[in-house]
Amino acid sequence: MYSLYEMADSGNCYKVRLLMNQLDIDYERIATDILQGESRTEEFLALNPNGKVPLLVLPNGKPLAESNAMLCFLGLGSPFIPDDGYQQALMLQWLFFEQYSHEPFIATNRFWIHLAGTADQHATQIAANHGRGMAALQVMNQHLENNQYFTGGDFYGIADIALYAYTHVAHQGNYDLSGFTAIEDWLARVEGQPRHIPITA
């Protein structure tokens, strides 16, 4: 059985749970509170020297870090990764976008405001991040005005799962999505997928 070391409120952890649920993969959840230093123990660092969650331990005991790497691994041979080479490249394009242009600003502000409660300490950086996060949302909204999902057309896959994880809770980082109607419609489509689970499940 797979073992997922995770912090339930983390979007990066949630995206792995969501895909595993949609693939009907059995796994064990191991709560790991990064705010209490539980990802910095000797035992955890032996599995992931980077000291971050999520961490997925495969049935054969091999560890795998980085949430989007987990999505790619778990999605291999499934309907969540396209067969077409160009669509696969688009999938990777959006996975890289999520980690470089989206998550550092939207997820980080959510963490400081909603999870850590340190908004006052990080007010300057939150303000700087906000503009960059809004720019990422605009890029997403523009794409979704002509596509139902991120890998093109009506193909729902791991790129959507990766971007959904923090976008659907962006309001917890003080992002207002009301002006991004294409994103709001996409969120509803993702939530209507079979075996979808909320982040609180």
N, C-alpha and C. Protein backbone atom coordinates (compact mmCIF):
# COMPACT_ATOMS: atom_id res chain seq x y z
N MET A 1 0.84 -1.20 0.00
CA MET A 1 0.00 0.00 0.00
C MET A 1 0.88 1.25 0.00
N TYR A 2 0.39 2.29 -0.65
CA TYR A 2 1.07 3.57 -0.62
C TYR A 2 0.89 4.23 0.75
N SER A 3 1.91 5.00 1.15
CA SER A 3 1.82 5.82 2.36
C SER A 3 2.06 7.26 1.96
N LEU A 4 1.13 8.14 2.35
CA LEU A 4 1.23 9.56 2.01
C LEU A 4 1.43 10.36 3.28
N TYR A 5 2.63 10.90 3.44
CA TYR A 5 2.92 11.83 4.54
C TYR A 5 2.41 13.18 4.09
N GLU A 6 1.52 13.76 4.88
CA GLU A 6 0.83 14.96 4.39
C GLU A 6 0.31 15.82 5.53
N MET A 7 0.05 17.06 5.17
CA MET A 7 -0.66 18.00 6.03
C MET A 7 -1.97 18.30 5.33
N ALA A 8 -3.07 17.96 5.96
CA ALA A 8 -4.36 17.91 5.27
C ALA A 8 -4.74 19.22 4.58
N ASP A 9 -4.40 20.37 5.17
CA ASP A 9 -4.77 21.66 4.60
C ASP A 9 -3.90 22.09 3.43
N SER A 10 -2.83 21.36 3.18
CA SER A 10 -1.91 21.73 2.11
C SER A 10 -2.51 21.39 0.75
N GLY A 11 -2.50 22.35 -0.15
CA GLY A 11 -2.97 22.08 -1.51
C GLY A 11 -2.09 21.09 -2.24
N ASN A 12 -0.78 21.13 -2.00
CA ASN A 12 0.12 20.18 -2.64
C ASN A 12 -0.16 18.76 -2.19
N CYS A 13 -0.53 18.59 -0.94
CA CYS A 13 -0.90 17.26 -0.44
C CYS A 13 -2.27 16.85 -0.98
N TYR A 14 -3.17 17.81 -1.03
CA TYR A 14 -4.52 17.53 -1.51
C TYR A 14 -4.54 17.05 -2.94
N LYS A 15 -3.70 17.64 -3.80
CA LYS A 15 -3.73 17.25 -5.22
C LYS A 15 -3.38 15.76 -5.37
N VAL A 16 -2.49 15.25 -4.53
CA VAL A 16 -2.13 13.83 -4.59
C VAL A 16 -3.29 12.98 -4.10
N ARG A 17 -3.92 13.38 -3.02
CA ARG A 17 -5.08 12.64 -2.51
C ARG A 17 -6.21 12.62 -3.54
N LEU A 18 -6.42 13.76 -4.20
CA LEU A 18 -7.51 13.84 -5.18
C LEU A 18 -7.27 12.87 -6.33
N LEU A 19 -6.06 12.84 -6.87
CA LEU A 19 -5.79 11.92 -7.97
C LEU A 19 -5.89 10.47 -7.50
N MET A 20 -5.36 10.17 -6.34
CA MET A 20 -5.41 8.79 -5.86
C MET A 20 -6.85 8.34 -5.64
N ASN A 21 -7.69 9.25 -5.19
CA ASN A 21 -9.10 8.90 -5.00
C ASN A 21 -9.77 8.69 -6.35
N GLN A 22 -9.45 9.53 -7.33
CA GLN A 22 -10.06 9.40 -8.64
C GLN A 22 -9.56 8.16 -9.38
N LEU A 23 -8.37 7.69 -9.03
CA LEU A 23 -7.85 6.45 -9.60
C LEU A 23 -8.22 5.24 -8.76
N ASP A 24 -8.89 5.46 -7.63
CA ASP A 24 -9.29 4.38 -6.72
C ASP A 24 -8.09 3.59 -6.21
N ILE A 25 -7.05 4.33 -5.81
CA ILE A 25 -5.84 3.74 -5.26
C ILE A 25 -5.93 3.77 -3.73
N ASP A 26 -5.72 2.63 -3.10
CA ASP A 26 -5.69 2.58 -1.64
C ASP A 26 -4.39 3.18 -1.12
N TYR A 27 -4.49 3.94 -0.06
CA TYR A 27 -3.28 4.52 0.53
C TYR A 27 -3.53 4.84 2.00
N GLU A 28 -2.44 4.94 2.73
CA GLU A 28 -2.47 5.31 4.14
C GLU A 28 -2.08 6.77 4.27
N ARG A 29 -2.83 7.52 5.04
CA ARG A 29 -2.51 8.92 5.30
C ARG A 29 -1.74 9.02 6.61
N ILE A 30 -0.59 9.68 6.57
CA ILE A 30 0.23 9.88 7.76
C ILE A 30 0.33 11.38 8.01
N ALA A 31 -0.40 11.86 9.00
CA ALA A 31 -0.44 13.29 9.31
C ALA A 31 0.95 13.77 9.71
N THR A 32 1.39 14.85 9.07
CA THR A 32 2.73 15.39 9.30
C THR A 32 2.61 16.91 9.38
N ASP A 33 2.62 17.45 10.58
CA ASP A 33 2.39 18.88 10.79
C ASP A 33 3.70 19.65 10.64
N ILE A 34 3.84 20.36 9.53
CA ILE A 34 5.08 21.10 9.30
C ILE A 34 5.22 22.26 10.27
N LEU A 35 4.10 22.76 10.79
CA LEU A 35 4.15 23.87 11.74
C LEU A 35 4.72 23.43 13.08
N GLN A 36 4.68 22.12 13.33
CA GLN A 36 5.24 21.56 14.57
C GLN A 36 6.58 20.87 14.33
N GLY A 37 7.15 21.07 13.15
CA GLY A 37 8.47 20.52 12.86
C GLY A 37 8.48 19.04 12.56
N GLU A 38 7.32 18.46 12.25
CA GLU A 38 7.26 17.01 12.06
C GLU A 38 7.87 16.56 10.74
N SER A 39 8.15 17.49 9.84
CA SER A 39 8.85 17.12 8.60
C SER A 39 10.35 17.34 8.71
N ARG A 40 10.81 17.68 9.91
CA ARG A 40 12.24 17.93 10.12
C ARG A 40 12.86 16.91 11.07
N THR A 41 12.14 15.84 11.34
CA THR A 41 12.68 14.81 12.22
C THR A 41 13.71 13.97 11.46
N GLU A 42 14.55 13.27 12.21
CA GLU A 42 15.56 12.42 11.59
C GLU A 42 14.90 11.34 10.72
N GLU A 43 13.79 10.78 11.21
CA GLU A 43 13.10 9.73 10.46
C GLU A 43 12.55 10.26 9.14
N PHE A 44 11.94 11.45 9.18
CA PHE A 44 11.37 12.00 7.95
C PHE A 44 12.46 12.40 6.97
N LEU A 45 13.50 13.05 7.46
CA LEU A 45 14.57 13.52 6.59
C LEU A 45 15.32 12.37 5.92
N ALA A 46 15.27 11.20 6.53
CA ALA A 46 15.87 10.03 5.90
C ALA A 46 15.10 9.64 4.64
N LEU A 47 13.81 9.95 4.61
CA LEU A 47 12.98 9.66 3.44
C LEU A 47 12.99 10.82 2.45
N ASN A 48 12.97 12.04 2.96
CA ASN A 48 12.98 13.23 2.11
C ASN A 48 13.91 14.28 2.72
N PRO A 49 15.15 14.34 2.28
CA PRO A 49 16.10 15.30 2.84
C PRO A 49 15.67 16.75 2.70
N ASN A 50 14.73 17.01 1.79
CA ASN A 50 14.24 18.38 1.61
C ASN A 50 13.28 18.79 2.71
N GLY A 51 12.81 17.83 3.51
CA GLY A 51 12.00 18.14 4.69
C GLY A 51 10.66 18.77 4.40
N LYS A 52 10.02 18.33 3.31
CA LYS A 52 8.72 18.91 2.94
C LYS A 52 7.69 17.82 2.71
N VAL A 53 6.44 18.19 2.88
CA VAL A 53 5.33 17.33 2.49
C VAL A 53 4.68 17.94 1.24
N PRO A 54 4.04 17.09 0.42
CA PRO A 54 3.80 15.67 0.63
C PRO A 54 5.03 14.82 0.33
N LEU A 55 5.00 13.64 0.90
CA LEU A 55 5.98 12.61 0.60
C LEU A 55 5.21 11.32 0.39
N LEU A 56 5.43 10.68 -0.73
CA LEU A 56 4.75 9.44 -1.05
C LEU A 56 5.74 8.29 -0.97
N VAL A 57 5.41 7.29 -0.16
CA VAL A 57 6.22 6.08 -0.09
C VAL A 57 5.48 5.00 -0.85
N LEU A 58 6.13 4.45 -1.87
CA LEU A 58 5.52 3.47 -2.75
C LEU A 58 5.40 2.12 -2.03
N PRO A 59 4.56 1.23 -2.54
CA PRO A 59 4.42 -0.10 -1.92
C PRO A 59 5.73 -0.85 -1.80
N ASN A 60 6.70 -0.55 -2.67
CA ASN A 60 8.00 -1.22 -2.59
C ASN A 60 8.97 -0.51 -1.64
N GLY A 61 8.48 0.53 -0.97
CA GLY A 61 9.30 1.24 0.01
C GLY A 61 10.07 2.43 -0.53
N LYS A 62 10.04 2.66 -1.84
CA LYS A 62 10.77 3.78 -2.41
C LYS A 62 10.03 5.09 -2.16
N PRO A 63 10.73 6.14 -1.71
CA PRO A 63 10.08 7.44 -1.47
C PRO A 63 10.06 8.30 -2.73
N LEU A 64 9.04 9.14 -2.83
CA LEU A 64 8.92 10.07 -3.95
C LEU A 64 8.45 11.41 -3.41
N ALA A 65 9.22 12.45 -3.66
CA ALA A 65 8.87 13.80 -3.23
C ALA A 65 8.38 14.63 -4.42
N GLU A 66 7.87 15.83 -4.12
CA GLU A 66 7.35 16.80 -5.09
C GLU A 66 6.00 16.35 -5.65
N SER A 67 4.99 17.14 -5.33
CA SER A 67 3.61 16.75 -5.62
C SER A 67 3.36 16.51 -7.11
N ASN A 68 3.91 17.35 -7.97
CA ASN A 68 3.64 17.17 -9.39
C ASN A 68 4.37 15.96 -9.96
N ALA A 69 5.50 15.58 -9.38
CA ALA A 69 6.16 14.34 -9.77
C ALA A 69 5.27 13.15 -9.38
N MET A 70 4.62 13.26 -8.23
CA MET A 70 3.69 12.20 -7.80
C MET A 70 2.52 12.09 -8.77
N LEU A 71 1.98 13.22 -9.21
CA LEU A 71 0.88 13.19 -10.17
C LEU A 71 1.31 12.50 -11.46
N CYS A 72 2.50 12.82 -11.93
CA CYS A 72 3.00 12.19 -13.16
C CYS A 72 3.18 10.69 -12.97
N PHE A 73 3.74 10.29 -11.85
CA PHE A 73 3.98 8.87 -11.59
C PHE A 73 2.67 8.10 -11.47
N LEU A 74 1.78 8.61 -10.64
CA LEU A 74 0.51 7.92 -10.41
C LEU A 74 -0.37 7.91 -11.66
N GLY A 75 -0.25 8.95 -12.47
CA GLY A 75 -1.10 9.07 -13.64
C GLY A 75 -0.64 8.27 -14.85
N LEU A 76 0.58 7.72 -14.80
CA LEU A 76 1.10 6.97 -15.94
C LEU A 76 0.15 5.84 -16.33
N GLY A 77 -0.18 5.77 -17.61
CA GLY A 77 -1.05 4.71 -18.10
C GLY A 77 -2.51 4.87 -17.75
N SER A 78 -2.88 6.02 -17.19
CA SER A 78 -4.27 6.27 -16.80
C SER A 78 -4.89 7.28 -17.76
N PRO A 79 -6.21 7.48 -17.68
CA PRO A 79 -6.87 8.49 -18.52
C PRO A 79 -6.52 9.92 -18.14
N PHE A 80 -5.73 10.13 -17.10
CA PHE A 80 -5.42 11.48 -16.64
C PHE A 80 -4.18 12.06 -17.31
N ILE A 81 -3.47 11.24 -18.11
CA ILE A 81 -2.33 11.71 -18.88
C ILE A 81 -2.61 11.39 -20.35
N PRO A 82 -2.54 12.39 -21.22
CA PRO A 82 -2.91 12.15 -22.63
C PRO A 82 -1.89 11.28 -23.35
N ASP A 83 -2.34 10.63 -24.41
CA ASP A 83 -1.46 9.81 -25.23
C ASP A 83 -0.67 10.65 -26.23
N ASP A 84 -1.27 11.73 -26.69
CA ASP A 84 -0.66 12.57 -27.70
C ASP A 84 0.55 13.32 -27.14
N GLY A 85 1.66 13.31 -27.89
CA GLY A 85 2.89 13.93 -27.42
C GLY A 85 2.76 15.41 -27.18
N TYR A 86 2.07 16.11 -28.07
CA TYR A 86 1.91 17.56 -27.89
C TYR A 86 1.06 17.85 -26.66
N GLN A 87 0.00 17.08 -26.46
CA GLN A 87 -0.82 17.28 -25.27
C GLN A 87 -0.03 16.99 -24.00
N GLN A 88 0.86 16.01 -24.06
CA GLN A 88 1.72 15.74 -22.90
C GLN A 88 2.62 16.93 -22.60
N ALA A 89 3.13 17.56 -23.67
CA ALA A 89 3.96 18.74 -23.48
C ALA A 89 3.15 19.89 -22.88
N LEU A 90 1.90 20.05 -23.33
CA LEU A 90 1.04 21.07 -22.74
C LEU A 90 0.78 20.77 -21.27
N MET A 91 0.58 19.51 -20.95
CA MET A 91 0.40 19.11 -19.55
C MET A 91 1.60 19.56 -18.72
N LEU A 92 2.80 19.28 -19.20
CA LEU A 92 4.01 19.67 -18.48
C LEU A 92 4.13 21.20 -18.41
N GLN A 93 3.75 21.86 -19.48
CA GLN A 93 3.78 23.34 -19.48
C GLN A 93 2.99 23.89 -18.31
N TRP A 94 1.79 23.36 -18.10
CA TRP A 94 0.94 23.87 -17.04
C TRP A 94 1.39 23.40 -15.66
N LEU A 95 2.01 22.22 -15.58
CA LEU A 95 2.58 21.78 -14.30
C LEU A 95 3.73 22.70 -13.89
N PHE A 96 4.57 23.09 -14.86
CA PHE A 96 5.66 24.01 -14.54
C PHE A 96 5.11 25.39 -14.20
N PHE A 97 4.11 25.83 -14.92
CA PHE A 97 3.47 27.11 -14.63
C PHE A 97 2.93 27.12 -13.21
N GLU A 98 2.29 26.03 -12.82
CA GLU A 98 1.70 25.96 -11.47
C GLU A 98 2.76 26.13 -10.39
N GLN A 99 3.90 25.50 -10.57
CA GLN A 99 4.94 25.54 -9.55
C GLN A 99 5.76 26.84 -9.58
N TYR A 100 5.87 27.47 -10.75
CA TYR A 100 6.73 28.65 -10.88
C TYR A 100 5.96 29.98 -10.83
N SER A 101 4.78 30.03 -11.44
CA SER A 101 4.05 31.30 -11.58
C SER A 101 2.79 31.39 -10.75
N HIS A 102 2.35 30.29 -10.18
CA HIS A 102 1.06 30.24 -9.48
C HIS A 102 1.25 29.94 -7.99
N GLU A 103 1.77 28.78 -7.69
CA GLU A 103 1.88 28.33 -6.30
C GLU A 103 2.72 29.25 -5.41
N PRO A 104 3.86 29.80 -5.89
CA PRO A 104 4.67 30.64 -5.00
C PRO A 104 3.95 31.88 -4.49
N PHE A 105 2.94 32.32 -5.20
CA PHE A 105 2.25 33.55 -4.83
C PHE A 105 0.88 33.28 -4.20
N ILE A 106 0.10 32.43 -4.82
CA ILE A 106 -1.24 32.15 -4.31
C ILE A 106 -1.18 31.26 -3.08
N ALA A 107 -0.41 30.19 -3.16
CA ALA A 107 -0.33 29.28 -2.01
C ALA A 107 0.43 29.90 -0.84
N THR A 108 1.47 30.65 -1.13
CA THR A 108 2.25 31.26 -0.05
C THR A 108 1.43 32.27 0.72
N ASN A 109 0.67 33.12 0.01
CA ASN A 109 -0.19 34.07 0.71
C ASN A 109 -1.25 33.34 1.54
N ARG A 110 -1.81 32.28 1.00
CA ARG A 110 -2.80 31.49 1.76
C ARG A 110 -2.16 30.92 3.02
N PHE A 111 -0.94 30.44 2.91
CA PHE A 111 -0.27 29.86 4.07
C PHE A 111 -0.10 30.90 5.16
N TRP A 112 0.44 32.06 4.80
CA TRP A 112 0.68 33.09 5.81
C TRP A 112 -0.62 33.61 6.43
N ILE A 113 -1.65 33.80 5.60
CA ILE A 113 -2.89 34.38 6.08
C ILE A 113 -3.78 33.36 6.78
N HIS A 114 -3.96 32.21 6.16
CA HIS A 114 -4.97 31.24 6.61
C HIS A 114 -4.43 30.16 7.55
N LEU A 115 -3.24 29.68 7.28
CA LEU A 115 -2.72 28.55 8.06
C LEU A 115 -1.79 28.99 9.19
N ALA A 116 -0.80 29.81 8.88
CA ALA A 116 0.18 30.19 9.89
C ALA A 116 -0.27 31.37 10.73
N GLY A 117 -1.20 32.17 10.22
CA GLY A 117 -1.66 33.34 10.97
C GLY A 117 -0.57 34.39 11.16
N THR A 118 0.30 34.53 10.17
CA THR A 118 1.42 35.47 10.28
C THR A 118 1.32 36.57 9.22
N ALA A 119 0.11 36.94 8.86
CA ALA A 119 -0.09 37.95 7.81
C ALA A 119 0.59 39.27 8.15
N ASP A 120 0.51 39.70 9.40
CA ASP A 120 1.12 40.98 9.79
C ASP A 120 2.63 40.96 9.59
N GLN A 121 3.25 39.85 9.89
CA GLN A 121 4.70 39.74 9.77
C GLN A 121 5.15 39.75 8.31
N HIS A 122 4.26 39.34 7.42
CA HIS A 122 4.63 39.20 6.01
C HIS A 122 3.84 40.13 5.11
N ALA A 123 3.35 41.22 5.66
CA ALA A 123 2.44 42.11 4.92
C ALA A 123 3.07 42.62 3.63
N THR A 124 4.32 43.01 3.65
CA THR A 124 4.96 43.55 2.45
C THR A 124 5.06 42.49 1.36
N GLN A 125 5.47 41.28 1.75
CA GLN A 125 5.61 40.21 0.76
C GLN A 125 4.25 39.75 0.26
N ILE A 126 3.25 39.75 1.13
CA ILE A 126 1.89 39.37 0.71
C ILE A 126 1.40 40.34 -0.37
N ALA A 127 1.64 41.62 -0.17
CA ALA A 127 1.21 42.63 -1.14
C ALA A 127 1.93 42.42 -2.48
N ALA A 128 3.23 42.14 -2.41
CA ALA A 128 3.99 41.91 -3.65
C ALA A 128 3.52 40.64 -4.34
N ASN A 129 3.26 39.60 -3.57
CA ASN A 129 2.80 38.34 -4.14
C ASN A 129 1.43 38.48 -4.79
N HIS A 130 0.59 39.34 -4.22
CA HIS A 130 -0.79 39.43 -4.69
C HIS A 130 -0.85 39.81 -6.17
N GLY A 131 -0.07 40.78 -6.57
CA GLY A 131 -0.08 41.19 -7.96
C GLY A 131 0.37 40.06 -8.89
N ARG A 132 1.36 39.31 -8.46
CA ARG A 132 1.86 38.21 -9.29
C ARG A 132 0.85 37.07 -9.34
N GLY A 133 0.18 36.85 -8.22
CA GLY A 133 -0.86 35.82 -8.21
C GLY A 133 -2.03 36.20 -9.11
N MET A 134 -2.41 37.47 -9.08
CA MET A 134 -3.49 37.92 -9.96
C MET A 134 -3.10 37.78 -11.43
N ALA A 135 -1.83 38.02 -11.74
CA ALA A 135 -1.36 37.86 -13.11
C ALA A 135 -1.47 36.40 -13.55
N ALA A 136 -1.14 35.47 -12.65
CA ALA A 136 -1.26 34.04 -12.96
C ALA A 136 -2.72 33.66 -13.19
N LEU A 137 -3.61 34.19 -12.38
CA LEU A 137 -5.03 33.91 -12.55
C LEU A 137 -5.53 34.45 -13.89
N GLN A 138 -5.02 35.59 -14.31
CA GLN A 138 -5.43 36.15 -15.60
C GLN A 138 -4.98 35.25 -16.75
N VAL A 139 -3.78 34.70 -16.66
CA VAL A 139 -3.29 33.77 -17.68
C VAL A 139 -4.19 32.54 -17.75
N MET A 140 -4.54 32.02 -16.58
CA MET A 140 -5.43 30.85 -16.54
C MET A 140 -6.80 31.17 -17.12
N ASN A 141 -7.34 32.31 -16.74
CA ASN A 141 -8.68 32.67 -17.19
C ASN A 141 -8.71 32.84 -18.72
N GLN A 142 -7.65 33.45 -19.26
CA GLN A 142 -7.59 33.64 -20.71
C GLN A 142 -7.57 32.29 -21.42
N HIS A 143 -6.80 31.33 -20.90
CA HIS A 143 -6.76 30.00 -21.52
C HIS A 143 -8.12 29.32 -21.46
N LEU A 144 -8.77 29.46 -20.31
CA LEU A 144 -10.04 28.76 -20.10
C LEU A 144 -11.21 29.39 -20.84
N GLU A 145 -11.02 30.57 -21.36
CA GLU A 145 -12.08 31.17 -22.17
C GLU A 145 -12.29 30.39 -23.47
N ASN A 146 -11.26 29.62 -23.89
CA ASN A 146 -11.35 28.87 -25.13
C ASN A 146 -11.15 27.37 -24.94
N ASN A 147 -10.95 26.93 -23.71
CA ASN A 147 -10.72 25.52 -23.42
C ASN A 147 -11.45 25.15 -22.14
N GLN A 148 -12.01 23.95 -22.11
CA GLN A 148 -12.68 23.50 -20.89
C GLN A 148 -11.68 23.13 -19.81
N TYR A 149 -10.51 22.62 -20.24
CA TYR A 149 -9.49 22.17 -19.29
C TYR A 149 -8.12 22.61 -19.77
N PHE A 150 -7.08 22.32 -18.98
CA PHE A 150 -5.77 22.92 -19.26
C PHE A 150 -4.94 22.20 -20.30
N THR A 151 -5.17 20.92 -20.52
CA THR A 151 -4.38 20.21 -21.52
C THR A 151 -5.00 20.36 -22.90
N GLY A 152 -6.00 21.19 -23.01
CA GLY A 152 -6.63 21.46 -24.29
C GLY A 152 -7.98 20.80 -24.43
N GLY A 153 -8.94 21.54 -24.99
CA GLY A 153 -10.27 20.99 -25.25
C GLY A 153 -10.95 20.47 -24.01
N ASP A 154 -11.48 19.24 -24.12
CA ASP A 154 -12.27 18.69 -23.03
C ASP A 154 -11.51 17.59 -22.27
N PHE A 155 -10.16 17.63 -22.34
CA PHE A 155 -9.35 16.62 -21.65
C PHE A 155 -9.07 17.05 -20.22
N TYR A 156 -9.66 16.34 -19.25
CA TYR A 156 -9.40 16.59 -17.84
C TYR A 156 -8.26 15.69 -17.38
N GLY A 157 -7.24 16.29 -16.80
CA GLY A 157 -6.09 15.49 -16.40
C GLY A 157 -5.33 16.10 -15.24
N ILE A 158 -4.08 15.66 -15.08
CA ILE A 158 -3.33 16.05 -13.88
C ILE A 158 -2.96 17.53 -13.88
N ALA A 159 -2.90 18.16 -15.04
CA ALA A 159 -2.65 19.61 -15.04
C ALA A 159 -3.79 20.35 -14.36
N ASP A 160 -5.02 19.88 -14.58
CA ASP A 160 -6.18 20.49 -13.92
C ASP A 160 -6.14 20.25 -12.42
N ILE A 161 -5.79 19.04 -12.03
CA ILE A 161 -5.71 18.73 -10.60
C ILE A 161 -4.67 19.61 -9.92
N ALA A 162 -3.50 19.76 -10.57
CA ALA A 162 -2.44 20.57 -9.99
C ALA A 162 -2.87 22.02 -9.78
N LEU A 163 -3.53 22.59 -10.79
CA LEU A 163 -3.93 23.99 -10.69
C LEU A 163 -5.18 24.18 -9.83
N TYR A 164 -6.04 23.19 -9.79
CA TYR A 164 -7.24 23.29 -8.98
C TYR A 164 -6.91 23.38 -7.49
N ALA A 165 -5.89 22.66 -7.06
CA ALA A 165 -5.63 22.48 -5.63
C ALA A 165 -5.54 23.81 -4.88
N TYR A 166 -4.79 24.76 -5.40
CA TYR A 166 -4.67 26.04 -4.70
C TYR A 166 -5.61 27.11 -5.25
N THR A 167 -6.06 26.95 -6.50
CA THR A 167 -6.96 27.97 -7.06
C THR A 167 -8.30 27.96 -6.34
N HIS A 168 -8.81 26.79 -6.01
CA HIS A 168 -10.15 26.73 -5.41
C HIS A 168 -10.18 27.25 -3.97
N VAL A 169 -9.01 27.40 -3.36
CA VAL A 169 -8.95 27.99 -2.01
C VAL A 169 -8.20 29.32 -2.04
N ALA A 170 -8.07 29.92 -3.22
CA ALA A 170 -7.33 31.18 -3.34
C ALA A 170 -7.94 32.28 -2.49
N HIS A 171 -9.26 32.21 -2.26
CA HIS A 171 -9.91 33.25 -1.44
C HIS A 171 -9.35 33.27 -0.02
N GLN A 172 -8.78 32.13 0.43
CA GLN A 172 -8.19 32.09 1.77
C GLN A 172 -6.86 32.84 1.82
N GLY A 173 -6.37 33.23 0.67
CA GLY A 173 -5.19 34.08 0.58
C GLY A 173 -5.54 35.48 0.11
N ASN A 174 -6.84 35.82 0.25
CA ASN A 174 -7.37 37.14 -0.12
C ASN A 174 -7.34 37.42 -1.62
N TYR A 175 -7.56 36.36 -2.41
CA TYR A 175 -7.72 36.53 -3.85
C TYR A 175 -9.21 36.45 -4.18
N ASP A 176 -9.69 37.45 -4.89
CA ASP A 176 -11.10 37.50 -5.29
C ASP A 176 -11.23 36.94 -6.70
N LEU A 177 -11.91 35.81 -6.84
CA LEU A 177 -12.06 35.16 -8.15
C LEU A 177 -13.30 35.62 -8.90
N SER A 178 -14.07 36.52 -8.33
CA SER A 178 -15.36 36.87 -8.93
C SER A 178 -15.21 37.47 -10.33
N GLY A 179 -14.07 38.06 -10.64
CA GLY A 179 -13.87 38.63 -11.97
C GLY A 179 -13.36 37.63 -12.99
N PHE A 180 -13.07 36.43 -12.55
CA PHE A 180 -12.50 35.40 -13.43
C PHE A 180 -13.57 34.35 -13.71
N THR A 181 -14.51 34.69 -14.56
CA THR A 181 -15.66 33.81 -14.77
C THR A 181 -15.28 32.49 -15.43
N ALA A 182 -14.27 32.50 -16.30
CA ALA A 182 -13.85 31.25 -16.93
C ALA A 182 -13.24 30.30 -15.90
N ILE A 183 -12.50 30.86 -14.95
CA ILE A 183 -11.95 30.04 -13.87
C ILE A 183 -13.07 29.48 -13.00
N GLU A 184 -14.04 30.31 -12.68
CA GLU A 184 -15.15 29.84 -11.84
C GLU A 184 -15.91 28.70 -12.52
N ASP A 185 -16.12 28.81 -13.83
CA ASP A 185 -16.79 27.74 -14.56
C ASP A 185 -15.94 26.47 -14.56
N TRP A 186 -14.62 26.63 -14.72
CA TRP A 186 -13.71 25.48 -14.70
C TRP A 186 -13.70 24.80 -13.33
N LEU A 187 -13.69 25.59 -12.27
CA LEU A 187 -13.73 25.00 -10.93
C LEU A 187 -14.96 24.11 -10.77
N ALA A 188 -16.09 24.57 -11.27
CA ALA A 188 -17.32 23.77 -11.19
C ALA A 188 -17.20 22.49 -11.99
N ARG A 189 -16.54 22.56 -13.16
CA ARG A 189 -16.36 21.35 -13.97
C ARG A 189 -15.46 20.34 -13.27
N VAL A 190 -14.40 20.83 -12.64
CA VAL A 190 -13.50 19.94 -11.90
C VAL A 190 -14.24 19.28 -10.75
N GLU A 191 -15.03 20.06 -10.04
CA GLU A 191 -15.77 19.53 -8.89
C GLU A 191 -16.84 18.53 -9.31
N GLY A 192 -17.24 18.56 -10.58
CA GLY A 192 -18.22 17.61 -11.08
C GLY A 192 -17.63 16.33 -11.61
N GLN A 193 -16.30 16.19 -11.55
CA GLN A 193 -15.66 14.98 -12.04
C GLN A 193 -15.96 13.79 -11.12
N PRO A 194 -16.02 12.57 -11.67
CA PRO A 194 -16.26 11.38 -10.84
C PRO A 194 -15.20 11.23 -9.75
N ARG A 195 -15.66 10.83 -8.57
CA ARG A 195 -14.79 10.56 -7.42
C ARG A 195 -14.02 11.79 -6.94
N HIS A 196 -14.56 12.98 -7.24
CA HIS A 196 -13.97 14.20 -6.69
C HIS A 196 -14.16 14.24 -5.19
N ILE A 197 -13.16 14.71 -4.46
CA ILE A 197 -13.29 14.90 -3.02
C ILE A 197 -12.85 16.31 -2.67
N PRO A 198 -13.44 16.93 -1.67
CA PRO A 198 -12.99 18.26 -1.24
C PRO A 198 -11.72 18.16 -0.44
N ILE A 199 -11.06 19.28 -0.26
CA ILE A 199 -9.79 19.31 0.48
C ILE A 199 -10.00 18.91 1.94
N THR A 200 -11.21 19.08 2.44
CA THR A 200 -11.52 18.76 3.83
C THR A 200 -11.88 17.30 4.04
N ALA A 201 -11.96 16.52 2.97
CA ALA A 201 -12.40 15.12 3.10
C ALA A 201 -11.36 14.32 3.87
